[in-house]
Amino acid sequence: MEIVEKSVNPHGVPSPDDGSQVLGVFAKEPRPGMVKTRLCPPLTPRQAADFYRVCLLETLRRVGRAGRRLVLFYAGCRDWFAEHCPGCELRPQVEGDLGRRMAAALDSLLESGAGAAALIGTDSPDLPLPLIDRAFAALAAHDAVTIPADDGGYVLIGCRRPCPQLFADIPWSSDQVLALTRRRATDAGLSYTEIDCWQDLDDAAALCRLLARSPDGEAARYLRRIRPDLA
């Protein structure tokens, strides 16, 4: 099946307080040497972990304003997330590679009554809320949706039914993720669409783009404090 258009009409987006729309956030406990390692350098492992924490909290605050049910899928110590992310619904990630963990997370949301479920990470703390709205709107007509990233991956993936084919045998953290996701959707006969494009934070150039793009965001303000030379 051909991949359809890369945008949908933003009019008619279901109300964000519709309980059938659930957004999951994937996160790790921010330990030095365990998160944002591709940003070392220019950041130190401690700075990278602190930056990850800032991105996580900014992400939760921003997407929480949309009014959808929000579920935080965590890896690490539950107590850390309970302390730093109060009020969030917490679920542990399952064991396995990233694909297995994401597929299981989406399946769990759909099995618990969500009519449409999507996942984001913490690499795009300034992801515009209208793009998330449009992704959920697209799921009214499609089995799966992504918001592509400019590095060959994606910053959001959503489904309205289990789509395990999209997560099997993918070389995660490579520039082949999006291309293979498209191919898996076609091979499986899934109705799949894409919503525009956004950027994540995997190298020094991406940090500079964040500073220029969203200078007033929490992540950008943190970067200016610790690395004024990047501005």
Protein backbone atom coordinates (compact mmCIF):
# COMPACT_ATOMS: atom_id res chain seq x y z
CA MET A 1 0.00 0.00 0.00
CA GLU A 2 1.28 3.43 -0.89
CA ILE A 3 2.24 5.85 1.86
CA VAL A 4 -0.28 8.64 1.84
CA GLU A 5 0.13 12.37 2.12
CA LYS A 6 2.39 13.86 4.77
CA SER A 7 -0.18 16.20 6.26
CA VAL A 8 -3.77 16.20 7.36
CA ASN A 9 -6.33 18.93 7.69
CA PRO A 10 -5.98 20.32 11.23
CA HIS A 11 -9.68 21.16 11.37
CA GLY A 12 -11.88 18.67 13.12
CA VAL A 13 -9.19 17.53 15.56
CA PRO A 14 -10.94 15.58 18.34
CA SER A 15 -11.11 17.41 21.63
CA PRO A 16 -7.83 16.91 23.59
CA ASP A 17 -9.82 15.96 26.67
CA ASP A 18 -11.24 12.96 24.82
CA GLY A 19 -10.16 10.05 27.01
CA SER A 20 -9.71 7.87 23.96
CA GLN A 21 -6.51 9.74 23.05
CA VAL A 22 -3.52 8.76 25.19
CA LEU A 23 0.02 10.08 24.87
CA GLY A 24 2.90 8.06 26.28
CA VAL A 25 6.29 9.53 27.11
CA PHE A 26 9.35 7.27 27.11
CA ALA A 27 12.02 8.23 29.63
CA LYS A 28 15.06 6.92 31.48
CA GLU A 29 16.28 7.85 34.92
CA PRO A 30 18.88 10.57 34.20
CA ARG A 31 22.11 8.97 35.32
CA PRO A 32 25.50 10.22 34.07
CA GLY A 33 26.85 7.94 31.38
CA MET A 34 23.42 6.39 30.76
CA VAL A 35 21.60 9.16 28.90
CA LYS A 36 22.52 11.58 26.12
CA THR A 37 25.89 9.94 25.64
CA ARG A 38 26.05 11.18 22.03
CA LEU A 39 26.23 14.72 23.44
CA CYS A 40 29.48 13.92 25.25
CA PRO A 41 31.25 16.01 24.03
CA PRO A 42 30.36 18.87 23.97
CA LEU A 43 28.70 18.14 27.35
CA THR A 44 30.20 16.21 30.23
CA PRO A 45 28.30 13.08 31.36
CA ARG A 46 26.93 14.99 34.36
CA GLN A 47 25.84 17.92 32.21
CA ALA A 48 24.24 15.52 29.73
CA ALA A 49 22.28 13.82 32.51
CA ASP A 50 21.14 17.16 33.92
CA PHE A 51 20.20 18.32 30.42
CA TYR A 52 18.18 15.13 29.92
CA ARG A 53 16.34 15.80 33.19
CA VAL A 54 15.51 19.34 32.08
CA CYS A 55 14.26 18.07 28.70
CA LEU A 56 12.12 15.43 30.40
CA LEU A 57 10.46 17.87 32.78
CA GLU A 58 9.94 20.47 30.05
CA THR A 59 8.38 17.82 27.83
CA LEU A 60 5.97 16.69 30.55
CA ARG A 61 4.96 20.24 31.40
CA ARG A 62 4.33 21.18 27.78
CA VAL A 63 2.39 18.11 26.65
CA GLY A 64 0.51 18.06 29.93
CA ARG A 65 -1.13 21.35 28.93
CA ALA A 66 -2.89 19.64 26.01
CA GLY A 67 -5.35 17.92 28.35
CA ARG A 68 -4.87 14.37 27.09
CA ARG A 69 -4.31 11.45 29.36
CA LEU A 70 -0.56 11.18 29.82
CA VAL A 71 1.38 8.03 30.72
CA LEU A 72 5.09 8.05 31.55
CA PHE A 73 6.85 4.81 30.62
CA TYR A 74 10.01 4.80 32.71
CA ALA A 75 13.27 2.86 32.84
CA GLY A 76 15.15 3.05 36.11
CA CYS A 77 14.06 3.70 39.67
CA ARG A 78 10.34 4.27 40.04
CA ASP A 79 10.92 6.35 43.17
CA TRP A 80 12.93 8.88 41.16
CA PHE A 81 10.06 9.42 38.74
CA ALA A 82 7.46 9.49 41.52
CA GLU A 83 9.46 12.25 43.23
CA HIS A 84 10.34 14.35 40.18
CA CYS A 85 7.23 13.79 38.07
CA PRO A 86 4.42 14.02 40.64
CA GLY A 87 0.95 13.40 39.33
CA CYS A 88 2.13 11.43 36.31
CA GLU A 89 0.70 8.00 35.64
CA LEU A 90 3.77 5.75 35.77
CA ARG A 91 4.29 2.44 34.01
CA PRO A 92 7.60 0.54 33.77
CA GLN A 93 9.03 -0.22 30.35
CA VAL A 94 9.24 -3.92 29.56
CA GLU A 95 12.54 -5.68 28.94
CA GLY A 96 13.99 -5.89 25.44
CA ASP A 97 15.20 -3.60 22.68
CA LEU A 98 13.59 -0.25 21.99
CA GLY A 99 11.20 -1.70 19.43
CA ARG A 100 9.85 -4.32 21.80
CA ARG A 101 9.46 -1.73 24.56
CA MET A 102 7.60 0.75 22.36
CA ALA A 103 5.33 -1.90 20.85
CA ALA A 104 4.46 -3.19 24.33
CA ALA A 105 3.76 0.35 25.57
CA LEU A 106 1.40 1.16 22.70
CA ASP A 107 -0.32 -2.21 23.01
CA SER A 108 -0.88 -1.64 26.72
CA LEU A 109 -2.49 1.75 26.08
CA LEU A 110 -4.76 0.36 23.37
CA GLU A 111 -5.70 -2.65 25.50
CA SER A 112 -6.66 -0.34 28.37
CA GLY A 113 -9.24 1.43 26.24
CA ALA A 114 -7.40 4.05 24.18
CA GLY A 115 -8.88 4.54 20.73
CA ALA A 116 -5.62 6.16 19.63
CA ALA A 117 -2.22 6.04 21.32
CA ALA A 118 1.07 7.75 20.55
CA LEU A 119 4.57 7.78 21.98
CA ILE A 120 7.19 10.51 22.20
CA GLY A 121 10.57 10.68 23.88
CA THR A 122 12.39 13.55 25.55
CA ASP A 123 14.64 14.51 22.61
CA SER A 124 12.25 17.19 21.34
CA PRO A 125 11.21 19.27 24.36
CA ASP A 126 9.87 22.01 22.06
CA LEU A 127 7.78 19.70 19.85
CA PRO A 128 4.79 21.90 18.89
CA LEU A 129 1.51 20.80 20.41
CA PRO A 130 -0.36 21.39 17.10
CA LEU A 131 1.77 18.70 15.48
CA ILE A 132 0.74 16.24 18.19
CA ASP A 133 -2.90 17.27 17.67
CA ARG A 134 -2.58 16.63 13.93
CA ALA A 135 -0.99 13.24 14.54
CA PHE A 136 -3.93 12.16 16.68
CA ALA A 137 -6.36 13.56 14.10
CA ALA A 138 -4.65 11.46 11.43
CA LEU A 139 -5.35 8.31 13.43
CA ALA A 140 -9.05 8.80 12.77
CA ALA A 141 -8.32 7.64 9.20
CA HIS A 142 -5.02 5.74 9.42
CA ASP A 143 -3.63 2.77 11.30
CA ALA A 144 -0.34 4.48 12.13
CA VAL A 145 1.30 7.89 12.02
CA THR A 146 4.75 9.36 12.61
CA ILE A 147 6.23 12.82 12.93
CA PRO A 148 9.58 12.35 11.15
CA ALA A 149 12.84 13.68 12.52
CA ASP A 150 15.46 15.28 10.32
CA ASP A 151 18.00 12.58 11.21
CA GLY A 152 16.11 9.71 9.60
CA GLY A 153 14.09 8.69 12.65
CA TYR A 154 10.89 10.05 14.12
CA VAL A 155 9.89 12.09 17.17
CA LEU A 156 6.40 10.59 17.52
CA ILE A 157 4.75 7.35 16.50
CA GLY A 158 1.09 6.57 17.00
CA CYS A 159 -1.33 3.73 16.26
CA ARG A 160 -5.04 3.07 16.51
CA ARG A 161 -4.52 -0.70 16.64
CA PRO A 162 -1.53 -2.91 17.44
CA CYS A 163 1.09 -2.63 14.68
CA PRO A 164 3.96 -4.90 15.81
CA GLN A 165 5.42 -4.94 12.30
CA LEU A 166 6.56 -1.33 12.71
CA PHE A 167 8.91 -2.22 15.56
CA ALA A 168 10.54 -5.50 14.50
CA ASP A 169 14.12 -5.71 13.21
CA ILE A 170 14.73 -1.95 13.16
CA PRO A 171 18.31 -0.67 13.66
CA TRP A 172 17.42 1.87 16.34
CA SER A 173 19.46 5.09 16.63
CA SER A 174 20.33 4.89 12.93
CA ASP A 175 19.28 6.97 9.92
CA GLN A 176 17.32 3.98 8.58
CA VAL A 177 14.55 4.00 11.19
CA LEU A 178 11.99 6.05 9.27
CA ALA A 179 12.66 4.42 5.89
CA LEU A 180 12.28 0.95 7.36
CA THR A 181 9.14 1.98 9.26
CA ARG A 182 7.60 3.08 5.95
CA ARG A 183 8.60 -0.21 4.34
CA ARG A 184 7.20 -2.27 7.22
CA ALA A 185 3.89 -0.38 6.96
CA THR A 186 3.69 -1.01 3.23
CA ASP A 187 4.58 -4.71 3.57
CA ALA A 188 1.98 -5.18 6.31
CA GLY A 189 -0.76 -3.40 4.37
CA LEU A 190 -1.13 -0.73 7.03
CA SER A 191 -2.60 2.68 6.32
CA TYR A 192 0.27 4.96 7.34
CA THR A 193 0.83 8.71 7.17
CA GLU A 194 3.35 11.33 8.28
CA ILE A 195 2.91 14.77 9.80
CA ASP A 196 5.50 17.35 8.77
CA CYS A 197 8.93 17.02 10.43
CA TRP A 198 10.71 18.11 13.62
CA GLN A 199 14.18 17.92 15.16
CA ASP A 200 15.67 16.01 18.04
CA LEU A 201 18.82 16.60 20.08
CA ASP A 202 21.62 14.20 19.23
CA ASP A 203 24.67 16.35 18.53
CA ALA A 204 26.20 19.78 19.09
CA ALA A 205 24.66 21.18 15.90
CA ALA A 206 21.20 20.14 17.13
CA LEU A 207 21.82 21.94 20.42
CA CYS A 208 22.68 25.13 18.53
CA ARG A 209 19.51 24.80 16.46
CA LEU A 210 17.46 24.41 19.65
CA LEU A 211 19.00 27.59 21.06
CA ALA A 212 18.06 29.48 17.90
CA ARG A 213 14.62 27.90 17.52
CA SER A 214 13.31 27.97 21.09
CA PRO A 215 15.53 30.37 23.06
CA ASP A 216 13.02 30.80 25.87
CA GLY A 217 12.51 27.08 26.54
CA GLU A 218 13.77 25.46 29.71
CA ALA A 219 16.26 23.27 27.84
CA ALA A 220 17.67 26.27 25.97
CA ARG A 221 18.00 28.32 29.15
CA TYR A 222 19.87 25.45 30.82
CA LEU A 223 22.26 25.17 27.87
CA ARG A 224 23.01 28.89 27.96
CA ARG A 225 23.91 28.62 31.63
CA ILE A 226 26.32 25.71 31.28
CA ARG A 227 27.65 26.29 27.75
CA PRO A 228 27.33 29.95 26.74
CA ASP A 229 29.77 29.25 23.93
CA LEU A 230 27.09 27.23 22.09
CA ALA A 231 24.79 30.21 21.69
